[in-house]
């Protein structure tokens, strides 16, 4: 069969519009007629439901009906012949709220957040009458703001003595005072200053009653800002240094 004949047959199939009403009538008429003379009549059967008749009609004209359906499917997706995938819906990105700056135990915050990791420890140089608590802050990139808060529980005769940082002292403001049952040491980076990528120590010193002091009630919080976001971390103190 040459290509011209194929094209003519394909065009005729595409233009064909089956007369479904005539087909229904012919099928129903044929089923209701008596058998021809000389043929044994079959026992009467219940009328065939219209649904079964429809199936028979579809089988008779299945090839001709399939062509218009294929054309309709192709028209839906612009001629590709494949289902058109629905575009994924865009959903708003969830944004975590900024952490609270104060008022909760540091143990509820992570020890590492973004480019900043932290650790709290009782300095091994502490003795039976005096102690130093250290907050170590490690930044993997420069910080444009930084606040370090060390909270020492006012138990066993705790009284402040001094405080220091291994960073540039003039870059920070320092406040020491009693707040809510704690001796609070707070270092805040001055506006316009930057903390380099490094590990810094922030130390608070205090006297206490004679004996080994329990530091399990102490905590710390570190809040910082870097070039692409903010972070907060904190925790309690390791008594073993």
C-alpha atoms as a PDB file:
ATOM      1  CA  UNK A   1       0.000   0.000   0.000  1.00  0.00           C
ATOM      2  CA  UNK A   2       1.658   3.216  -1.183  1.00  0.00           C
ATOM      3  CA  UNK A   3       1.970   6.325   0.911  1.00  0.00           C
ATOM      4  CA  UNK A   4      -0.720   8.255  -1.024  1.00  0.00           C
ATOM      5  CA  UNK A   5      -3.302   5.551  -0.313  1.00  0.00           C
ATOM      6  CA  UNK A   6      -2.297   5.532   3.363  1.00  0.00           C
ATOM      7  CA  UNK A   7      -2.805   9.274   3.584  1.00  0.00           C
ATOM      8  CA  UNK A   8      -6.222   9.038   1.885  1.00  0.00           C
ATOM      9  CA  UNK A   9      -7.364   6.294   4.273  1.00  0.00           C
ATOM     10  CA  UNK A  10      -6.083   8.227   7.272  1.00  0.00           C
ATOM     11  CA  UNK A  11      -7.883  11.365   6.111  1.00  0.00           C
ATOM     12  CA  UNK A  12     -11.110   9.467   5.593  1.00  0.00           C
ATOM     13  CA  UNK A  13     -10.837   7.975   9.077  1.00  0.00           C
ATOM     14  CA  UNK A  14     -10.268  11.379  10.636  1.00  0.00           C
ATOM     15  CA  UNK A  15     -13.265  12.870   8.829  1.00  0.00           C
ATOM     16  CA  UNK A  16     -15.561   9.967   9.689  1.00  0.00           C
ATOM     17  CA  UNK A  17     -18.363  10.735  12.130  1.00  0.00           C
ATOM     18  CA  UNK A  18     -20.185   7.501  13.057  1.00  0.00           C
ATOM     19  CA  UNK A  19     -24.018   7.674  13.135  1.00  0.00           C
ATOM     20  CA  UNK A  20     -24.474   6.185  16.593  1.00  0.00           C
ATOM     21  CA  UNK A  21     -28.285   6.468  16.470  1.00  0.00           C
ATOM     22  CA  UNK A  22     -28.483   4.342  13.316  1.00  0.00           C
ATOM     23  CA  UNK A  23     -26.144   1.759  14.849  1.00  0.00           C
ATOM     24  CA  UNK A  24     -28.293   1.562  17.996  1.00  0.00           C
ATOM     25  CA  UNK A  25     -31.418   1.105  15.881  1.00  0.00           C
ATOM     26  CA  UNK A  26     -29.856  -1.644  13.738  1.00  0.00           C
ATOM     27  CA  UNK A  27     -28.555  -3.563  16.738  1.00  0.00           C
ATOM     28  CA  UNK A  28     -31.856  -3.356  18.636  1.00  0.00           C
ATOM     29  CA  UNK A  29     -33.851  -4.265  15.492  1.00  0.00           C
ATOM     30  CA  UNK A  30     -31.652  -7.258  14.760  1.00  0.00           C
ATOM     31  CA  UNK A  31     -32.018  -8.573  18.302  1.00  0.00           C
ATOM     32  CA  UNK A  32     -35.812  -8.271  18.217  1.00  0.00           C
ATOM     33  CA  UNK A  33     -36.386 -10.053  14.854  1.00  0.00           C
ATOM     34  CA  UNK A  34     -37.573 -13.705  14.627  1.00  0.00           C
ATOM     35  CA  UNK A  35     -35.024 -16.281  13.387  1.00  0.00           C
ATOM     36  CA  UNK A  36     -35.214 -17.171   9.627  1.00  0.00           C
ATOM     37  CA  UNK A  37     -37.239 -20.310   8.491  1.00  0.00           C
ATOM     38  CA  UNK A  38     -35.523 -23.642   8.980  1.00  0.00           C
ATOM     39  CA  UNK A  39     -33.450 -22.477  11.958  1.00  0.00           C
ATOM     40  CA  UNK A  40     -34.279 -23.738  15.423  1.00  0.00           C
ATOM     41  CA  UNK A  41     -35.399 -20.844  17.581  1.00  0.00           C
ATOM     42  CA  UNK A  42     -33.453 -20.351  20.772  1.00  0.00           C
ATOM     43  CA  UNK A  43     -35.255 -20.075  24.107  1.00  0.00           C
ATOM     44  CA  UNK A  44     -36.330 -16.494  24.777  1.00  0.00           C
ATOM     45  CA  UNK A  45     -33.865 -14.473  26.841  1.00  0.00           C
ATOM     46  CA  UNK A  46     -34.315 -11.475  29.058  1.00  0.00           C
ATOM     47  CA  UNK A  47     -33.913  -8.173  27.208  1.00  0.00           C
ATOM     48  CA  UNK A  48     -30.288  -7.137  26.936  1.00  0.00           C
ATOM     49  CA  UNK A  49     -29.577  -4.067  29.051  1.00  0.00           C
ATOM     50  CA  UNK A  50     -28.727  -0.978  27.131  1.00  0.00           C
ATOM     51  CA  UNK A  51     -25.267  -1.019  28.720  1.00  0.00           C
ATOM     52  CA  UNK A  52     -24.464  -4.393  27.114  1.00  0.00           C
ATOM     53  CA  UNK A  53     -25.799  -3.177  23.804  1.00  0.00           C
ATOM     54  CA  UNK A  54     -23.492  -0.191  24.095  1.00  0.00           C
ATOM     55  CA  UNK A  55     -20.533  -2.507  24.609  1.00  0.00           C
ATOM     56  CA  UNK A  56     -21.463  -4.459  21.483  1.00  0.00           C
ATOM     57  CA  UNK A  57     -21.769  -1.285  19.468  1.00  0.00           C
ATOM     58  CA  UNK A  58     -18.396  -0.075  20.710  1.00  0.00           C
ATOM     59  CA  UNK A  59     -16.826  -3.367  19.612  1.00  0.00           C
ATOM     60  CA  UNK A  60     -18.327  -2.999  16.101  1.00  0.00           C
ATOM     61  CA  UNK A  61     -17.007   0.514  15.544  1.00  0.00           C
ATOM     62  CA  UNK A  62     -14.019   0.464  17.858  1.00  0.00           C
ATOM     63  CA  UNK A  63     -11.437   1.235  15.166  1.00  0.00           C
ATOM     64  CA  UNK A  64     -13.390   4.169  13.753  1.00  0.00           C
ATOM     65  CA  UNK A  65     -14.156   5.614  17.197  1.00  0.00           C
ATOM     66  CA  UNK A  66     -10.530   5.296  18.342  1.00  0.00           C
ATOM     67  CA  UNK A  67      -9.287   7.751  15.708  1.00  0.00           C
ATOM     68  CA  UNK A  68     -11.422  10.751  16.859  1.00  0.00           C
ATOM     69  CA  UNK A  69     -10.529   9.990  20.477  1.00  0.00           C
ATOM     70  CA  UNK A  70      -6.822  10.015  19.640  1.00  0.00           C
ATOM     71  CA  UNK A  71      -7.223  13.310  17.813  1.00  0.00           C
ATOM     72  CA  UNK A  72      -9.053  14.811  20.792  1.00  0.00           C
ATOM     73  CA  UNK A  73      -6.308  13.647  23.187  1.00  0.00           C
ATOM     74  CA  UNK A  74      -3.627  15.161  20.959  1.00  0.00           C
ATOM     75  CA  UNK A  75      -5.467  18.478  20.804  1.00  0.00           C
ATOM     76  CA  UNK A  76      -5.540  18.696  24.603  1.00  0.00           C
ATOM     77  CA  UNK A  77      -1.767  18.785  25.004  1.00  0.00           C
ATOM     78  CA  UNK A  78      -0.801  20.792  21.969  1.00  0.00           C
ATOM     79  CA  UNK A  79       0.020  17.846  19.667  1.00  0.00           C
ATOM     80  CA  UNK A  80       2.455  15.810  21.759  1.00  0.00           C
ATOM     81  CA  UNK A  81       0.123  12.849  22.289  1.00  0.00           C
ATOM     82  CA  UNK A  82       1.247  12.637  25.945  1.00  0.00           C
ATOM     83  CA  UNK A  83      -0.572  13.667  29.144  1.00  0.00           C
ATOM     84  CA  UNK A  84       0.193  17.185  30.239  1.00  0.00           C
ATOM     85  CA  UNK A  85       1.706  17.185  33.721  1.00  0.00           C
ATOM     86  CA  UNK A  86       0.201  19.681  36.122  1.00  0.00           C
ATOM     87  CA  UNK A  87       2.585  22.406  37.182  1.00  0.00           C
ATOM     88  CA  UNK A  88       3.677  21.978  40.816  1.00  0.00           C
ATOM     89  CA  UNK A  89       1.992  24.367  43.176  1.00  0.00           C
ATOM     90  CA  UNK A  90       4.167  26.949  44.823  1.00  0.00           C
ATOM     91  CA  UNK A  91       4.018  27.015  48.577  1.00  0.00           C
ATOM     92  CA  UNK A  92       5.393  29.695  50.840  1.00  0.00           C
ATOM     93  CA  UNK A  93       8.550  28.714  52.600  1.00  0.00           C
ATOM     94  CA  UNK A  94       8.162  28.372  56.332  1.00  0.00           C
ATOM     95  CA  UNK A  95      10.269  30.856  58.197  1.00  0.00           C
ATOM     96  CA  UNK A  96      11.358  29.975  61.708  1.00  0.00           C
ATOM     97  CA  UNK A  97      10.732  32.740  64.231  1.00  0.00           C
ATOM     98  CA  UNK A  98      13.730  34.499  65.685  1.00  0.00           C
ATOM     99  CA  UNK A  99      14.792  32.988  69.016  1.00  0.00           C
ATOM    100  CA  UNK A 100      14.066  34.815  72.233  1.00  0.00           C
ATOM    101  CA  UNK A 101      16.997  36.826  73.534  1.00  0.00           C
ATOM    102  CA  UNK A 102      16.650  36.016  77.208  1.00  0.00           C
ATOM    103  CA  UNK A 103      14.499  34.579  79.959  1.00  0.00           C
ATOM    104  CA  UNK A 104      14.939  30.807  79.379  1.00  0.00           C
ATOM    105  CA  UNK A 105      17.543  28.258  80.322  1.00  0.00           C
ATOM    106  CA  UNK A 106      20.308  28.006  77.757  1.00  0.00           C
ATOM    107  CA  UNK A 107      19.942  24.208  77.759  1.00  0.00           C
ATOM    108  CA  UNK A 108      16.833  24.619  75.568  1.00  0.00           C
ATOM    109  CA  UNK A 109      18.931  26.029  72.711  1.00  0.00           C
ATOM    110  CA  UNK A 110      21.309  24.080  70.428  1.00  0.00           C
ATOM    111  CA  UNK A 111      25.055  24.092  71.071  1.00  0.00           C
ATOM    112  CA  UNK A 112      25.630  24.741  67.350  1.00  0.00           C
ATOM    113  CA  UNK A 113      23.569  26.914  65.039  1.00  0.00           C
ATOM    114  CA  UNK A 114      24.610  28.030  61.544  1.00  0.00           C
ATOM    115  CA  UNK A 115      28.255  29.129  61.481  1.00  0.00           C
ATOM    116  CA  UNK A 116      28.472  29.448  65.282  1.00  0.00           C
ATOM    117  CA  UNK A 117      29.150  26.690  67.814  1.00  0.00           C
ATOM    118  CA  UNK A 118      29.372  27.176  71.560  1.00  0.00           C
ATOM    119  CA  UNK A 119      30.431  25.424  74.754  1.00  0.00           C
ATOM    120  CA  UNK A 120      30.180  26.250  78.459  1.00  0.00           C
ATOM    121  CA  UNK A 121      32.629  24.934  81.030  1.00  0.00           C
ATOM    122  CA  UNK A 122      33.880  25.553  84.549  1.00  0.00           C
ATOM    123  CA  UNK A 123      37.521  26.574  84.247  1.00  0.00           C
ATOM    124  CA  UNK A 124      39.927  23.931  85.649  1.00  0.00           C
ATOM    125  CA  UNK A 125      41.752  26.702  87.558  1.00  0.00           C
ATOM    126  CA  UNK A 126      38.754  27.130  89.899  1.00  0.00           C
ATOM    127  CA  UNK A 127      39.250  26.257  93.594  1.00  0.00           C
ATOM    128  CA  UNK A 128      37.293  25.697  96.817  1.00  0.00           C
ATOM    129  CA  UNK A 129      36.600  29.446  97.297  1.00  0.00           C
ATOM    130  CA  UNK A 130      36.663  30.969  93.812  1.00  0.00           C
ATOM    131  CA  UNK A 131      35.558  29.908  90.324  1.00  0.00           C
ATOM    132  CA  UNK A 132      35.599  30.963  86.694  1.00  0.00           C
ATOM    133  CA  UNK A 133      32.953  29.965  84.153  1.00  0.00           C
ATOM    134  CA  UNK A 134      33.958  30.083  80.479  1.00  0.00           C
ATOM    135  CA  UNK A 135      31.797  30.401  77.371  1.00  0.00           C
ATOM    136  CA  UNK A 136      33.668  29.372  74.212  1.00  0.00           C
ATOM    137  CA  UNK A 137      32.289  30.773  70.946  1.00  0.00           C
ATOM    138  CA  UNK A 138      33.604  29.426  67.620  1.00  0.00           C
ATOM    139  CA  UNK A 139      32.589  31.310  64.460  1.00  0.00           C
ATOM    140  CA  UNK A 140      33.333  29.841  61.032  1.00  0.00           C
ATOM    141  CA  UNK A 141      32.649  33.205  59.364  1.00  0.00           C
ATOM    142  CA  UNK A 142      32.696  36.851  60.506  1.00  0.00           C
ATOM    143  CA  UNK A 143      29.840  38.019  62.742  1.00  0.00           C
ATOM    144  CA  UNK A 144      28.271  41.457  62.513  1.00  0.00           C
ATOM    145  CA  UNK A 145      26.611  41.249  65.928  1.00  0.00           C
ATOM    146  CA  UNK A 146      27.227  39.132  69.017  1.00  0.00           C
ATOM    147  CA  UNK A 147      25.784  38.938  72.511  1.00  0.00           C
ATOM    148  CA  UNK A 148      27.117  36.452  75.077  1.00  0.00           C
ATOM    149  CA  UNK A 149      25.174  36.011  78.304  1.00  0.00           C
ATOM    150  CA  UNK A 150      26.601  33.968  81.201  1.00  0.00           C
ATOM    151  CA  UNK A 151      24.218  33.210  84.100  1.00  0.00           C
ATOM    152  CA  UNK A 152      25.591  31.921  87.407  1.00  0.00           C
ATOM    153  CA  UNK A 153      23.010  30.779  89.951  1.00  0.00           C
ATOM    154  CA  UNK A 154      23.182  32.775  93.210  1.00  0.00           C
ATOM    155  CA  UNK A 155      23.782  29.759  95.439  1.00  0.00           C
ATOM    156  CA  UNK A 156      26.398  29.178  98.150  1.00  0.00           C
ATOM    157  CA  UNK A 157      27.555  32.770  98.645  1.00  0.00           C
ATOM    158  CA  UNK A 158      28.218  33.610  94.964  1.00  0.00           C
ATOM    159  CA  UNK A 159      29.520  37.194  94.503  1.00  0.00           C
ATOM    160  CA  UNK A 160      31.118  38.757  91.421  1.00  0.00           C
ATOM    161  CA  UNK A 161      34.837  39.429  91.173  1.00  0.00           C
ATOM    162  CA  UNK A 162      35.801  40.103  87.513  1.00  0.00           C
ATOM    163  CA  UNK A 163      35.235  39.234  83.845  1.00  0.00           C
ATOM    164  CA  UNK A 164      37.284  39.172  80.638  1.00  0.00           C
ATOM    165  CA  UNK A 165      37.310  38.074  76.975  1.00  0.00           C
ATOM    166  CA  UNK A 166      40.038  36.864  74.647  1.00  0.00           C
ATOM    167  CA  UNK A 167      38.587  39.118  71.917  1.00  0.00           C
ATOM    168  CA  UNK A 168      39.345  42.818  71.601  1.00  0.00           C
ATOM    169  CA  UNK A 169      38.052  44.252  74.888  1.00  0.00           C
ATOM    170  CA  UNK A 170      37.260  47.627  73.330  1.00  0.00           C
ATOM    171  CA  UNK A 171      34.894  45.961  70.830  1.00  0.00           C
ATOM    172  CA  UNK A 172      32.419  44.986  73.587  1.00  0.00           C
ATOM    173  CA  UNK A 173      30.313  46.553  76.262  1.00  0.00           C
ATOM    174  CA  UNK A 174      30.223  44.512  79.500  1.00  0.00           C
ATOM    175  CA  UNK A 175      27.531  44.511  82.164  1.00  0.00           C
ATOM    176  CA  UNK A 176      27.467  42.488  85.401  1.00  0.00           C
ATOM    177  CA  UNK A 177      24.472  42.360  87.696  1.00  0.00           C
ATOM    178  CA  UNK A 178      21.963  40.194  89.554  1.00  0.00           C
ATOM    179  CA  UNK A 179      18.804  39.263  87.650  1.00  0.00           C
ATOM    180  CA  UNK A 180      16.140  36.782  88.729  1.00  0.00           C
ATOM    181  CA  UNK A 181      18.323  34.738  91.079  1.00  0.00           C
ATOM    182  CA  UNK A 182      21.385  34.772  88.809  1.00  0.00           C
ATOM    183  CA  UNK A 183      24.644  36.673  88.593  1.00  0.00           C
ATOM    184  CA  UNK A 184      24.574  37.718  84.914  1.00  0.00           C
ATOM    185  CA  UNK A 185      27.638  38.582  82.822  1.00  0.00           C
ATOM    186  CA  UNK A 186      26.708  40.059  79.426  1.00  0.00           C
ATOM    187  CA  UNK A 187      29.080  40.981  76.577  1.00  0.00           C
ATOM    188  CA  UNK A 188      27.609  42.887  73.592  1.00  0.00           C
ATOM    189  CA  UNK A 189      29.504  43.694  70.393  1.00  0.00           C
ATOM    190  CA  UNK A 190      29.556  47.427  69.745  1.00  0.00           C
ATOM    191  CA  UNK A 191      27.764  48.714  66.582  1.00  0.00           C
ATOM    192  CA  UNK A 192      30.006  48.787  63.517  1.00  0.00           C
ATOM    193  CA  UNK A 193      32.442  46.192  64.915  1.00  0.00           C
ATOM    194  CA  UNK A 194      32.950  42.692  63.499  1.00  0.00           C
ATOM    195  CA  UNK A 195      33.909  39.420  65.156  1.00  0.00           C
ATOM    196  CA  UNK A 196      36.443  37.522  63.009  1.00  0.00           C
ATOM    197  CA  UNK A 197      36.188  33.820  62.190  1.00  0.00           C
ATOM    198  CA  UNK A 198      37.883  32.420  65.309  1.00  0.00           C
ATOM    199  CA  UNK A 199      37.318  30.851  68.737  1.00  0.00           C
ATOM    200  CA  UNK A 200      36.837  33.378  71.548  1.00  0.00           C
ATOM    201  CA  UNK A 201      36.544  32.901  75.315  1.00  0.00           C
ATOM    202  CA  UNK A 202      34.188  34.923  77.519  1.00  0.00           C
ATOM    203  CA  UNK A 203      34.904  34.364  81.209  1.00  0.00           C
ATOM    204  CA  UNK A 204      33.019  35.357  84.362  1.00  0.00           C
ATOM    205  CA  UNK A 205      34.737  35.149  87.773  1.00  0.00           C
ATOM    206  CA  UNK A 206      33.110  34.948  91.210  1.00  0.00           C
ATOM    207  CA  UNK A 207      33.641  33.909  94.812  1.00  0.00           C
ATOM    208  CA  UNK A 208      31.533  31.194  96.445  1.00  0.00           C
ATOM    209  CA  UNK A 209      31.181  29.359  99.740  1.00  0.00           C
ATOM    210  CA  UNK A 210      33.948  26.964 100.751  1.00  0.00           C
ATOM    211  CA  UNK A 211      33.834  23.598  99.019  1.00  0.00           C
ATOM    212  CA  UNK A 212      33.125  22.259  95.571  1.00  0.00           C
ATOM    213  CA  UNK A 213      30.393  24.314  93.940  1.00  0.00           C
ATOM    214  CA  UNK A 214      27.593  22.665  91.922  1.00  0.00           C
ATOM    215  CA  UNK A 215      27.368  24.446  88.534  1.00  0.00           C
ATOM    216  CA  UNK A 216      24.417  22.442  87.186  1.00  0.00           C
ATOM    217  CA  UNK A 217      22.097  25.440  87.732  1.00  0.00           C
ATOM    218  CA  UNK A 218      24.239  27.767  85.581  1.00  0.00           C
ATOM    219  CA  UNK A 219      23.678  28.373  81.868  1.00  0.00           C
ATOM    220  CA  UNK A 220      24.622  30.592  78.937  1.00  0.00           C
ATOM    221  CA  UNK A 221      23.113  31.982  75.738  1.00  0.00           C
ATOM    222  CA  UNK A 222      24.867  33.228  72.587  1.00  0.00           C
ATOM    223  CA  UNK A 223      23.083  35.271  69.917  1.00  0.00           C
ATOM    224  CA  UNK A 224      24.782  36.396  66.711  1.00  0.00           C
ATOM    225  CA  UNK A 225      24.215  37.797  63.237  1.00  0.00           C
ATOM    226  CA  UNK A 226      26.235  36.910  60.154  1.00  0.00           C
ATOM    227  CA  UNK A 227      26.039  37.835  56.453  1.00  0.00           C
ATOM    228  CA  UNK A 228      23.077  35.592  55.604  1.00  0.00           C
ATOM    229  CA  UNK A 229      21.113  35.215  58.837  1.00  0.00           C
ATOM    230  CA  UNK A 230      21.022  34.998  62.611  1.00  0.00           C
ATOM    231  CA  UNK A 231      21.724  32.223  65.111  1.00  0.00           C
ATOM    232  CA  UNK A 232      21.191  31.448  68.757  1.00  0.00           C
ATOM    233  CA  UNK A 233      22.737  28.710  70.864  1.00  0.00           C
ATOM    234  CA  UNK A 234      23.369  27.904  74.481  1.00  0.00           C
ATOM    235  CA  UNK A 235      23.518  25.253  77.180  1.00  0.00           C
ATOM    236  CA  UNK A 236      24.606  24.385  80.704  1.00  0.00           C
ATOM    237  CA  UNK A 237      28.077  24.006  82.135  1.00  0.00           C
ATOM    238  CA  UNK A 238      30.307  20.940  82.225  1.00  0.00           C
ATOM    239  CA  UNK A 239      31.555  20.597  85.806  1.00  0.00           C
ATOM    240  CA  UNK A 240      34.602  18.590  84.708  1.00  0.00           C
ATOM    241  CA  UNK A 241      36.066  21.424  82.594  1.00  0.00           C
END
